Amino acid sequence: GKVLWSVDAHAKFGGRNITWGIADNPLIYDGKVICQPGGPDASLVALDAKTGETVWKSTGLSERSAYCSPALLTVNGKRQVVTFLESDVVGVDAQDGKPLWKYPYQNKYAVHPNTPVLCGKDRLFLSSGYGYGAEVVSVAGSEVKRVWFDKSSDNHFQGVAFYKGRIFSSGGGRFSCFDPESGKVVYS
């Protein structure tokens, strides 16, 4: 139970607090603790899991966190950390933190607690509350394009699942099953 190391990520990386404090979970991957302090050139950082020393910073991204826990995903064969920040959803290289792509995504409060969900080799399901809605985007290298959008399903913070080829998400006062290809609601 002895503390081996600790890091005040806001102090060390110039992070800026958000309205309701920190609510995201760090991601443990390949001997690294990946977290989102939201500082200048340090929206995301990786710390050595054994020592707490900085392994990488997401240089070029300087947005605050948005309550989203980062996910380790393989998009089009590329292992990356995918998460929401205050104004964009982003993918960074899981090994060195280099930004790979970003896609504008902001509701009126910059609150995005739902982790993006992989729903195909190049597709991500994104959803946010406060009337924003839900969508699937395709990622090809640094290019991100909207595949479909459903304004009526704005999952605020309940989480999303991709199971047996379908997306399950709540929002708009209902629980829905979506076809990830078309965005059609299979049932609610």
N, C-alpha and C. Protein backbone atom coordinates (compact mmCIF):
# COMPACT_ATOMS: atom_id res chain seq x y z
N GLY A 1 0.78 -1.21 0.00
CA GLY A 1 0.00 0.00 0.00
C GLY A 1 0.82 1.28 0.00
N LYS A 2 2.15 1.15 -0.07
CA LYS A 2 3.01 2.33 -0.06
C LYS A 2 2.94 3.04 -1.42
N VAL A 3 2.79 4.36 -1.40
CA VAL A 3 2.77 5.15 -2.63
C VAL A 3 4.17 5.15 -3.23
N LEU A 4 4.29 4.71 -4.48
CA LEU A 4 5.58 4.68 -5.16
C LEU A 4 5.87 5.99 -5.89
N TRP A 5 4.85 6.62 -6.42
CA TRP A 5 5.01 7.91 -7.06
C TRP A 5 3.63 8.57 -7.19
N SER A 6 3.62 9.86 -7.36
CA SER A 6 2.39 10.59 -7.67
C SER A 6 2.77 11.82 -8.47
N VAL A 7 1.86 12.26 -9.30
CA VAL A 7 2.08 13.43 -10.16
C VAL A 7 0.84 14.30 -10.11
N ASP A 8 1.00 15.57 -9.83
CA ASP A 8 -0.08 16.53 -9.95
C ASP A 8 -0.06 16.97 -11.41
N ALA A 9 -0.89 16.31 -12.22
CA ALA A 9 -0.85 16.53 -13.67
C ALA A 9 -1.23 17.95 -14.06
N HIS A 10 -2.12 18.57 -13.30
CA HIS A 10 -2.46 19.97 -13.61
C HIS A 10 -1.26 20.88 -13.37
N ALA A 11 -0.60 20.71 -12.25
CA ALA A 11 0.55 21.56 -11.94
C ALA A 11 1.70 21.30 -12.91
N LYS A 12 2.00 20.03 -13.17
CA LYS A 12 3.15 19.69 -14.01
C LYS A 12 2.96 20.07 -15.48
N PHE A 13 1.73 19.93 -15.99
CA PHE A 13 1.50 20.14 -17.42
C PHE A 13 0.64 21.37 -17.73
N GLY A 14 0.38 22.21 -16.74
CA GLY A 14 -0.39 23.43 -16.97
C GLY A 14 -1.85 23.18 -17.25
N GLY A 15 -2.38 22.09 -16.70
CA GLY A 15 -3.77 21.75 -16.92
C GLY A 15 -4.72 22.78 -16.33
N ARG A 16 -5.86 22.89 -16.95
CA ARG A 16 -6.88 23.82 -16.49
C ARG A 16 -8.09 23.04 -16.04
N ASN A 17 -8.56 23.33 -14.86
CA ASN A 17 -9.69 22.60 -14.33
C ASN A 17 -10.94 22.87 -15.15
N ILE A 18 -11.87 21.93 -15.08
CA ILE A 18 -13.14 22.07 -15.76
C ILE A 18 -14.24 22.13 -14.71
N THR A 19 -15.42 22.49 -15.11
CA THR A 19 -16.51 22.85 -14.20
C THR A 19 -16.74 21.88 -13.04
N TRP A 20 -16.85 20.59 -13.32
CA TRP A 20 -17.19 19.62 -12.27
C TRP A 20 -16.01 18.75 -11.88
N GLY A 21 -14.82 19.28 -11.97
CA GLY A 21 -13.63 18.52 -11.59
C GLY A 21 -13.30 17.43 -12.60
N ILE A 22 -12.36 16.60 -12.25
CA ILE A 22 -11.90 15.55 -13.16
C ILE A 22 -12.78 14.32 -13.00
N ALA A 23 -13.28 13.80 -14.10
CA ALA A 23 -14.18 12.65 -14.06
C ALA A 23 -13.75 11.56 -15.04
N ASP A 24 -12.62 11.73 -15.70
CA ASP A 24 -12.18 10.69 -16.63
C ASP A 24 -11.25 9.71 -15.92
N ASN A 25 -11.12 8.54 -16.50
CA ASN A 25 -10.24 7.51 -15.96
C ASN A 25 -8.97 7.45 -16.79
N PRO A 26 -7.80 7.27 -16.16
CA PRO A 26 -6.58 7.09 -16.95
C PRO A 26 -6.62 5.76 -17.68
N LEU A 27 -5.86 5.66 -18.73
CA LEU A 27 -5.75 4.46 -19.53
C LEU A 27 -4.37 3.85 -19.28
N ILE A 28 -4.32 2.59 -18.93
CA ILE A 28 -3.04 1.90 -18.71
C ILE A 28 -2.75 1.07 -19.95
N TYR A 29 -1.61 1.33 -20.58
CA TYR A 29 -1.26 0.61 -21.81
C TYR A 29 0.25 0.55 -21.97
N ASP A 30 0.77 -0.63 -22.20
CA ASP A 30 2.17 -0.82 -22.55
C ASP A 30 3.12 -0.12 -21.58
N GLY A 31 2.85 -0.29 -20.28
CA GLY A 31 3.72 0.30 -19.27
C GLY A 31 3.55 1.79 -19.08
N LYS A 32 2.45 2.34 -19.62
CA LYS A 32 2.20 3.78 -19.53
C LYS A 32 0.85 4.05 -18.87
N VAL A 33 0.77 5.16 -18.17
CA VAL A 33 -0.49 5.68 -17.65
C VAL A 33 -0.82 6.90 -18.50
N ILE A 34 -1.89 6.80 -19.29
CA ILE A 34 -2.27 7.88 -20.20
C ILE A 34 -3.43 8.65 -19.57
N CYS A 35 -3.22 9.97 -19.41
CA CYS A 35 -4.23 10.80 -18.78
C CYS A 35 -4.38 12.11 -19.55
N GLN A 36 -5.36 12.91 -19.13
CA GLN A 36 -5.72 14.12 -19.87
C GLN A 36 -5.68 15.35 -18.98
N PRO A 37 -4.50 15.92 -18.74
CA PRO A 37 -4.45 17.12 -17.91
C PRO A 37 -4.99 18.37 -18.60
N GLY A 38 -5.02 18.39 -19.93
CA GLY A 38 -5.57 19.54 -20.65
C GLY A 38 -4.71 20.78 -20.59
N GLY A 39 -3.40 20.60 -20.68
CA GLY A 39 -2.49 21.74 -20.64
C GLY A 39 -2.00 22.13 -22.02
N PRO A 40 -1.25 23.24 -22.13
CA PRO A 40 -0.67 23.64 -23.40
C PRO A 40 0.28 22.56 -23.92
N ASP A 41 0.04 22.12 -25.14
CA ASP A 41 0.81 21.02 -25.74
C ASP A 41 0.79 19.77 -24.85
N ALA A 42 -0.24 19.62 -24.07
CA ALA A 42 -0.35 18.48 -23.17
C ALA A 42 -1.81 18.17 -22.86
N SER A 43 -2.64 18.13 -23.90
CA SER A 43 -4.03 17.71 -23.66
C SER A 43 -4.02 16.28 -23.13
N LEU A 44 -3.18 15.45 -23.72
CA LEU A 44 -2.97 14.08 -23.26
C LEU A 44 -1.49 13.90 -22.95
N VAL A 45 -1.21 13.09 -21.95
CA VAL A 45 0.18 12.76 -21.62
C VAL A 45 0.25 11.28 -21.25
N ALA A 46 1.44 10.72 -21.40
CA ALA A 46 1.70 9.35 -20.95
C ALA A 46 2.82 9.41 -19.92
N LEU A 47 2.58 8.75 -18.80
CA LEU A 47 3.57 8.66 -17.74
C LEU A 47 4.04 7.23 -17.63
N ASP A 48 5.31 7.04 -17.28
CA ASP A 48 5.83 5.70 -17.05
C ASP A 48 5.10 5.12 -15.83
N ALA A 49 4.51 3.93 -15.98
CA ALA A 49 3.72 3.34 -14.91
C ALA A 49 4.56 2.98 -13.68
N LYS A 50 5.85 2.78 -13.85
CA LYS A 50 6.71 2.41 -12.72
C LYS A 50 7.31 3.61 -11.99
N THR A 51 7.53 4.71 -12.74
CA THR A 51 8.24 5.84 -12.14
C THR A 51 7.45 7.15 -12.10
N GLY A 52 6.44 7.29 -12.96
CA GLY A 52 5.70 8.54 -13.05
C GLY A 52 6.35 9.57 -13.96
N GLU A 53 7.51 9.23 -14.53
CA GLU A 53 8.20 10.15 -15.44
C GLU A 53 7.41 10.30 -16.75
N THR A 54 7.51 11.46 -17.36
CA THR A 54 6.81 11.73 -18.61
C THR A 54 7.42 10.90 -19.74
N VAL A 55 6.57 10.17 -20.47
CA VAL A 55 7.00 9.39 -21.64
C VAL A 55 6.72 10.21 -22.90
N TRP A 56 5.51 10.76 -23.01
CA TRP A 56 5.18 11.64 -24.13
C TRP A 56 4.08 12.62 -23.75
N LYS A 57 4.00 13.70 -24.56
CA LYS A 57 2.92 14.69 -24.47
C LYS A 57 2.35 14.85 -25.87
N SER A 58 1.08 15.14 -25.97
CA SER A 58 0.43 15.33 -27.27
C SER A 58 0.70 16.74 -27.79
N THR A 59 1.92 17.00 -28.18
CA THR A 59 2.32 18.31 -28.68
C THR A 59 1.44 18.70 -29.87
N GLY A 60 0.89 19.90 -29.81
CA GLY A 60 0.00 20.38 -30.86
C GLY A 60 -1.45 20.37 -30.44
N LEU A 61 -1.75 19.68 -29.35
CA LEU A 61 -3.11 19.70 -28.81
C LEU A 61 -3.06 20.42 -27.48
N SER A 62 -3.86 21.46 -27.33
CA SER A 62 -3.84 22.27 -26.11
C SER A 62 -5.23 22.52 -25.57
N GLU A 63 -6.13 21.57 -25.80
CA GLU A 63 -7.50 21.72 -25.30
C GLU A 63 -7.64 21.10 -23.92
N ARG A 64 -8.62 21.63 -23.18
CA ARG A 64 -8.92 21.05 -21.88
C ARG A 64 -9.61 19.70 -22.05
N SER A 65 -9.59 18.93 -20.98
CA SER A 65 -10.30 17.67 -20.93
C SER A 65 -11.80 17.96 -20.99
N ALA A 66 -12.60 16.91 -21.28
CA ALA A 66 -14.05 17.10 -21.38
C ALA A 66 -14.79 15.95 -20.68
N TYR A 67 -14.19 15.41 -19.61
CA TYR A 67 -14.78 14.34 -18.80
C TYR A 67 -14.75 12.97 -19.49
N CYS A 68 -14.06 12.85 -20.59
CA CYS A 68 -14.04 11.61 -21.36
C CYS A 68 -12.84 10.75 -20.96
N SER A 69 -13.08 9.47 -20.73
CA SER A 69 -11.99 8.53 -20.51
C SER A 69 -11.43 8.10 -21.86
N PRO A 70 -10.12 8.18 -22.05
CA PRO A 70 -9.54 7.80 -23.34
C PRO A 70 -9.67 6.30 -23.59
N ALA A 71 -9.75 5.93 -24.87
CA ALA A 71 -9.86 4.52 -25.27
C ALA A 71 -8.66 4.15 -26.13
N LEU A 72 -8.19 2.93 -25.99
CA LEU A 72 -7.15 2.39 -26.86
C LEU A 72 -7.86 1.63 -27.97
N LEU A 73 -7.77 2.14 -29.21
CA LEU A 73 -8.48 1.55 -30.34
C LEU A 73 -7.52 1.32 -31.50
N THR A 74 -7.84 0.35 -32.32
CA THR A 74 -7.11 0.14 -33.57
C THR A 74 -8.03 0.58 -34.69
N VAL A 75 -7.70 1.73 -35.28
CA VAL A 75 -8.51 2.31 -36.34
C VAL A 75 -7.73 2.16 -37.64
N ASN A 76 -8.31 1.44 -38.59
CA ASN A 76 -7.64 1.16 -39.87
C ASN A 76 -6.24 0.60 -39.66
N GLY A 77 -6.11 -0.31 -38.70
CA GLY A 77 -4.83 -0.97 -38.46
C GLY A 77 -3.83 -0.18 -37.63
N LYS A 78 -4.18 1.04 -37.22
CA LYS A 78 -3.27 1.90 -36.45
C LYS A 78 -3.73 1.97 -35.00
N ARG A 79 -2.87 1.54 -34.07
CA ARG A 79 -3.16 1.58 -32.63
C ARG A 79 -3.08 3.02 -32.16
N GLN A 80 -4.17 3.52 -31.57
CA GLN A 80 -4.22 4.92 -31.17
C GLN A 80 -5.08 5.12 -29.92
N VAL A 81 -4.84 6.23 -29.26
CA VAL A 81 -5.65 6.65 -28.14
C VAL A 81 -6.67 7.64 -28.70
N VAL A 82 -7.95 7.36 -28.46
CA VAL A 82 -9.03 8.19 -28.99
C VAL A 82 -9.81 8.75 -27.81
N THR A 83 -10.11 10.06 -27.86
CA THR A 83 -10.84 10.68 -26.76
C THR A 83 -11.49 11.98 -27.22
N PHE A 84 -12.42 12.46 -26.42
CA PHE A 84 -12.99 13.79 -26.61
C PHE A 84 -12.17 14.79 -25.81
N LEU A 85 -11.95 15.96 -26.39
CA LEU A 85 -11.44 17.12 -25.67
C LEU A 85 -12.55 18.16 -25.73
N GLU A 86 -12.30 19.36 -25.26
CA GLU A 86 -13.40 20.33 -25.15
C GLU A 86 -14.03 20.71 -26.49
N SER A 87 -13.26 20.73 -27.58
CA SER A 87 -13.80 21.16 -28.87
C SER A 87 -13.64 20.15 -30.00
N ASP A 88 -12.95 19.05 -29.76
CA ASP A 88 -12.67 18.07 -30.80
C ASP A 88 -12.63 16.66 -30.22
N VAL A 89 -12.90 15.69 -31.08
CA VAL A 89 -12.56 14.31 -30.76
C VAL A 89 -11.24 14.07 -31.49
N VAL A 90 -10.30 13.39 -30.84
CA VAL A 90 -8.95 13.26 -31.40
C VAL A 90 -8.46 11.82 -31.33
N GLY A 91 -7.51 11.52 -32.20
CA GLY A 91 -6.77 10.27 -32.16
C GLY A 91 -5.29 10.61 -32.13
N VAL A 92 -4.56 10.02 -31.16
CA VAL A 92 -3.11 10.22 -31.08
C VAL A 92 -2.42 8.86 -31.11
N ASP A 93 -1.22 8.83 -31.64
CA ASP A 93 -0.44 7.59 -31.68
C ASP A 93 -0.22 7.08 -30.26
N ALA A 94 -0.54 5.83 -30.02
CA ALA A 94 -0.44 5.27 -28.67
C ALA A 94 0.99 5.14 -28.19
N GLN A 95 1.96 5.12 -29.09
CA GLN A 95 3.36 4.95 -28.70
C GLN A 95 4.05 6.26 -28.37
N ASP A 96 3.72 7.34 -29.13
CA ASP A 96 4.47 8.58 -28.93
C ASP A 96 3.59 9.83 -28.72
N GLY A 97 2.26 9.67 -28.75
CA GLY A 97 1.36 10.79 -28.50
C GLY A 97 1.19 11.76 -29.65
N LYS A 98 1.80 11.46 -30.79
CA LYS A 98 1.69 12.36 -31.94
C LYS A 98 0.23 12.40 -32.42
N PRO A 99 -0.35 13.61 -32.54
CA PRO A 99 -1.72 13.71 -33.04
C PRO A 99 -1.82 13.14 -34.46
N LEU A 100 -2.82 12.28 -34.66
CA LEU A 100 -3.05 11.65 -35.96
C LEU A 100 -4.18 12.33 -36.71
N TRP A 101 -5.21 12.74 -35.98
CA TRP A 101 -6.38 13.38 -36.58
C TRP A 101 -7.19 14.07 -35.49
N LYS A 102 -8.04 15.00 -35.91
CA LYS A 102 -9.01 15.59 -35.00
C LYS A 102 -10.24 15.98 -35.79
N TYR A 103 -11.38 15.97 -35.09
CA TYR A 103 -12.67 16.23 -35.71
C TYR A 103 -13.44 17.18 -34.82
N PRO A 104 -13.91 18.33 -35.35
CA PRO A 104 -14.63 19.30 -34.54
C PRO A 104 -15.88 18.69 -33.91
N TYR A 105 -16.02 18.88 -32.62
CA TYR A 105 -17.16 18.30 -31.90
C TYR A 105 -17.33 19.06 -30.60
N GLN A 106 -18.35 19.93 -30.53
CA GLN A 106 -18.54 20.69 -29.31
C GLN A 106 -20.01 20.99 -29.10
N ASN A 107 -20.50 20.61 -27.92
CA ASN A 107 -21.84 21.04 -27.55
C ASN A 107 -21.71 22.36 -26.79
N LYS A 108 -22.82 22.90 -26.32
CA LYS A 108 -22.75 24.25 -25.75
C LYS A 108 -21.98 24.34 -24.44
N TYR A 109 -21.70 23.21 -23.76
CA TYR A 109 -20.94 23.25 -22.51
C TYR A 109 -19.58 22.58 -22.58
N ALA A 110 -19.19 22.03 -23.74
CA ALA A 110 -17.91 21.32 -23.89
C ALA A 110 -17.80 20.16 -22.90
N VAL A 111 -18.90 19.45 -22.73
CA VAL A 111 -18.96 18.28 -21.85
C VAL A 111 -19.20 17.06 -22.73
N HIS A 112 -18.22 16.17 -22.75
CA HIS A 112 -18.29 14.98 -23.61
C HIS A 112 -17.83 13.75 -22.83
N PRO A 113 -18.63 13.24 -21.88
CA PRO A 113 -18.15 12.14 -21.05
C PRO A 113 -18.23 10.75 -21.68
N ASN A 114 -18.85 10.61 -22.85
CA ASN A 114 -18.94 9.29 -23.47
C ASN A 114 -17.68 9.00 -24.29
N THR A 115 -17.02 7.92 -23.97
CA THR A 115 -15.84 7.51 -24.72
C THR A 115 -16.26 7.09 -26.13
N PRO A 116 -15.56 7.56 -27.18
CA PRO A 116 -15.88 7.12 -28.54
C PRO A 116 -15.79 5.59 -28.64
N VAL A 117 -16.70 5.01 -29.43
CA VAL A 117 -16.78 3.56 -29.55
C VAL A 117 -16.48 3.14 -30.99
N LEU A 118 -15.55 2.21 -31.14
CA LEU A 118 -15.21 1.66 -32.46
C LEU A 118 -16.36 0.76 -32.91
N CYS A 119 -16.88 1.00 -34.12
CA CYS A 119 -18.00 0.19 -34.62
C CYS A 119 -17.74 -0.22 -36.07
N GLY A 120 -16.52 -0.55 -36.38
CA GLY A 120 -16.06 -0.95 -37.71
C GLY A 120 -14.58 -0.64 -37.78
N LYS A 121 -13.90 -1.15 -38.79
CA LYS A 121 -12.43 -0.96 -38.82
C LYS A 121 -12.01 0.51 -38.89
N ASP A 122 -12.90 1.37 -39.42
CA ASP A 122 -12.55 2.78 -39.55
C ASP A 122 -13.67 3.70 -39.05
N ARG A 123 -14.60 3.14 -38.29
CA ARG A 123 -15.78 3.91 -37.88
C ARG A 123 -15.84 4.09 -36.37
N LEU A 124 -16.24 5.29 -35.96
CA LEU A 124 -16.40 5.61 -34.55
C LEU A 124 -17.80 6.17 -34.31
N PHE A 125 -18.44 5.70 -33.23
CA PHE A 125 -19.71 6.26 -32.80
C PHE A 125 -19.41 7.31 -31.75
N LEU A 126 -19.97 8.50 -31.94
CA LEU A 126 -19.75 9.64 -31.04
C LEU A 126 -21.11 10.13 -30.57
N SER A 127 -21.23 10.45 -29.31
CA SER A 127 -22.49 10.99 -28.81
C SER A 127 -22.23 11.94 -27.66
N SER A 128 -23.06 12.97 -27.59
CA SER A 128 -22.91 13.99 -26.56
C SER A 128 -24.27 14.57 -26.22
N GLY A 129 -24.43 14.97 -24.98
CA GLY A 129 -25.69 15.50 -24.51
C GLY A 129 -25.90 16.96 -24.85
N TYR A 130 -26.81 17.57 -24.12
CA TYR A 130 -27.18 18.98 -24.30
C TYR A 130 -27.69 19.26 -25.71
N GLY A 131 -28.42 18.29 -26.27
CA GLY A 131 -29.05 18.48 -27.57
C GLY A 131 -28.15 18.31 -28.77
N TYR A 132 -26.89 17.88 -28.55
CA TYR A 132 -25.99 17.76 -29.70
C TYR A 132 -26.41 16.63 -30.62
N GLY A 133 -26.54 15.41 -30.09
CA GLY A 133 -26.93 14.27 -30.91
C GLY A 133 -25.86 13.20 -30.95
N ALA A 134 -25.99 12.31 -31.92
CA ALA A 134 -25.06 11.20 -32.09
C ALA A 134 -24.70 11.08 -33.57
N GLU A 135 -23.51 10.53 -33.82
CA GLU A 135 -23.08 10.35 -35.20
C GLU A 135 -22.04 9.25 -35.31
N VAL A 136 -21.87 8.77 -36.52
CA VAL A 136 -20.77 7.87 -36.84
C VAL A 136 -19.89 8.61 -37.82
N VAL A 137 -18.57 8.54 -37.58
CA VAL A 137 -17.60 9.14 -38.49
C VAL A 137 -16.65 8.05 -38.98
N SER A 138 -16.09 8.27 -40.15
CA SER A 138 -15.07 7.37 -40.68
C SER A 138 -13.73 8.09 -40.61
N VAL A 139 -12.69 7.33 -40.26
CA VAL A 139 -11.34 7.88 -40.13
C VAL A 139 -10.43 7.20 -41.15
N ALA A 140 -9.79 8.00 -41.98
CA ALA A 140 -8.83 7.50 -42.97
C ALA A 140 -7.59 8.38 -42.89
N GLY A 141 -6.56 7.90 -42.20
CA GLY A 141 -5.36 8.71 -42.00
C GLY A 141 -5.70 9.90 -41.14
N SER A 142 -5.48 11.12 -41.67
CA SER A 142 -5.79 12.33 -40.92
C SER A 142 -7.16 12.90 -41.28
N GLU A 143 -7.87 12.24 -42.19
CA GLU A 143 -9.15 12.73 -42.66
C GLU A 143 -10.30 12.04 -41.93
N VAL A 144 -11.24 12.84 -41.43
CA VAL A 144 -12.42 12.32 -40.73
C VAL A 144 -13.66 12.87 -41.42
N LYS A 145 -14.61 11.97 -41.72
CA LYS A 145 -15.84 12.39 -42.39
C LYS A 145 -17.04 11.83 -41.66
N ARG A 146 -18.10 12.64 -41.60
CA ARG A 146 -19.36 12.18 -41.01
C ARG A 146 -20.01 11.17 -41.96
N VAL A 147 -20.45 10.04 -41.40
CA VAL A 147 -21.17 9.02 -42.16
C VAL A 147 -22.67 9.24 -41.99
N TRP A 148 -23.11 9.43 -40.76
CA TRP A 148 -24.50 9.76 -40.48
C TRP A 148 -24.61 10.51 -39.17
N PHE A 149 -25.76 11.18 -38.97
CA PHE A 149 -25.99 12.00 -37.79
C PHE A 149 -27.44 11.84 -37.35
N ASP A 150 -27.67 11.72 -36.04
CA ASP A 150 -29.01 11.62 -35.48
C ASP A 150 -29.13 12.61 -34.32
N LYS A 151 -29.74 13.75 -34.57
CA LYS A 151 -29.85 14.79 -33.55
C LYS A 151 -30.75 14.36 -32.39
N SER A 152 -31.66 13.44 -32.62
CA SER A 152 -32.63 13.07 -31.58
C SER A 152 -32.04 12.17 -30.50
N SER A 153 -30.87 11.62 -30.70
CA SER A 153 -30.27 10.73 -29.70
C SER A 153 -29.02 11.37 -29.13
N ASP A 154 -29.18 12.09 -28.03
CA ASP A 154 -28.05 12.79 -27.43
C ASP A 154 -27.69 12.14 -26.08
N ASN A 155 -26.89 11.11 -26.13
CA ASN A 155 -26.49 10.38 -24.93
C ASN A 155 -25.64 11.29 -24.07
N HIS A 156 -26.16 11.66 -22.93
CA HIS A 156 -25.48 12.63 -22.06
C HIS A 156 -24.25 12.03 -21.38
N PHE A 157 -24.41 10.90 -20.68
CA PHE A 157 -23.25 10.29 -20.01
C PHE A 157 -23.50 8.84 -19.60
N GLN A 158 -24.37 8.15 -20.27
CA GLN A 158 -24.69 6.79 -19.86
C GLN A 158 -23.77 5.72 -20.44
N GLY A 159 -22.92 6.07 -21.37
CA GLY A 159 -22.07 5.08 -22.00
C GLY A 159 -22.76 4.45 -23.20
N VAL A 160 -21.96 3.83 -24.05
CA VAL A 160 -22.43 3.26 -25.30
C VAL A 160 -21.81 1.88 -25.44
N ALA A 161 -22.50 0.97 -26.12
CA ALA A 161 -21.94 -0.36 -26.37
C ALA A 161 -22.09 -0.71 -27.84
N PHE A 162 -21.10 -1.41 -28.37
CA PHE A 162 -21.17 -1.98 -29.71
C PHE A 162 -21.16 -3.49 -29.51
N TYR A 163 -22.25 -4.15 -29.89
CA TYR A 163 -22.41 -5.57 -29.61
C TYR A 163 -23.12 -6.25 -30.77
N LYS A 164 -22.52 -7.33 -31.29
CA LYS A 164 -23.09 -8.11 -32.39
C LYS A 164 -23.52 -7.23 -33.56
N GLY A 165 -22.64 -6.30 -33.93
CA GLY A 165 -22.88 -5.47 -35.11
C GLY A 165 -23.88 -4.34 -34.93
N ARG A 166 -24.25 -4.05 -33.69
CA ARG A 166 -25.21 -2.98 -33.42
C ARG A 166 -24.67 -2.04 -32.36
N ILE A 167 -25.12 -0.78 -32.41
CA ILE A 167 -24.77 0.23 -31.40
C ILE A 167 -25.96 0.37 -30.46
N PHE A 168 -25.67 0.34 -29.16
CA PHE A 168 -26.71 0.53 -28.15
C PHE A 168 -26.38 1.79 -27.36
N SER A 169 -27.33 2.71 -27.34
CA SER A 169 -27.09 4.00 -26.70
C SER A 169 -28.41 4.59 -26.21
N SER A 170 -28.34 5.30 -25.10
CA SER A 170 -29.53 6.03 -24.65
C SER A 170 -29.40 7.47 -25.09
N GLY A 171 -30.51 8.16 -25.09
CA GLY A 171 -30.51 9.57 -25.46
C GLY A 171 -31.86 9.96 -25.98
N GLY A 172 -32.21 11.22 -25.79
CA GLY A 172 -33.50 11.70 -26.24
C GLY A 172 -34.66 11.05 -25.50
N GLY A 173 -34.40 10.59 -24.28
CA GLY A 173 -35.45 9.98 -23.47
C GLY A 173 -35.76 8.54 -23.82
N ARG A 174 -34.87 7.89 -24.57
CA ARG A 174 -35.11 6.49 -24.94
C ARG A 174 -33.79 5.74 -25.07
N PHE A 175 -33.86 4.43 -25.04
CA PHE A 175 -32.71 3.56 -25.27
C PHE A 175 -32.87 3.02 -26.69
N SER A 176 -31.85 3.14 -27.52
CA SER A 176 -31.98 2.77 -28.93
C SER A 176 -30.88 1.81 -29.37
N CYS A 177 -31.25 1.01 -30.36
CA CYS A 177 -30.31 0.13 -31.05
C CYS A 177 -30.18 0.67 -32.47
N PHE A 178 -28.94 1.02 -32.86
CA PHE A 178 -28.68 1.60 -34.18
C PHE A 178 -27.96 0.63 -35.09
N ASP A 179 -28.26 0.72 -36.38
CA ASP A 179 -27.44 0.08 -37.40
C ASP A 179 -26.27 1.02 -37.64
N PRO A 180 -25.02 0.60 -37.39
CA PRO A 180 -23.90 1.52 -37.52
C PRO A 180 -23.64 1.98 -38.96
N GLU A 181 -24.09 1.22 -39.93
CA GLU A 181 -23.85 1.60 -41.33
C GLU A 181 -24.75 2.75 -41.78
N SER A 182 -26.04 2.64 -41.46
CA SER A 182 -27.01 3.60 -41.97
C SER A 182 -27.46 4.64 -40.95
N GLY A 183 -27.30 4.33 -39.66
CA GLY A 183 -27.81 5.21 -38.61
C GLY A 183 -29.27 4.95 -38.30
N LYS A 184 -29.89 4.00 -39.02
CA LYS A 184 -31.29 3.66 -38.81
C LYS A 184 -31.47 3.08 -37.41
N VAL A 185 -32.51 3.54 -36.72
CA VAL A 185 -32.86 2.97 -35.42
C VAL A 185 -33.53 1.63 -35.67
N VAL A 186 -32.91 0.55 -35.20
CA VAL A 186 -33.46 -0.79 -35.37
C VAL A 186 -34.64 -0.96 -34.43
N TYR A 187 -34.47 -0.50 -33.19
CA TYR A 187 -35.58 -0.46 -32.23
C TYR A 187 -35.22 0.49 -31.10
N SER A 188 -36.27 0.97 -30.40
CA SER A 188 -36.09 1.84 -29.23
C SER A 188 -36.92 1.28 -28.09
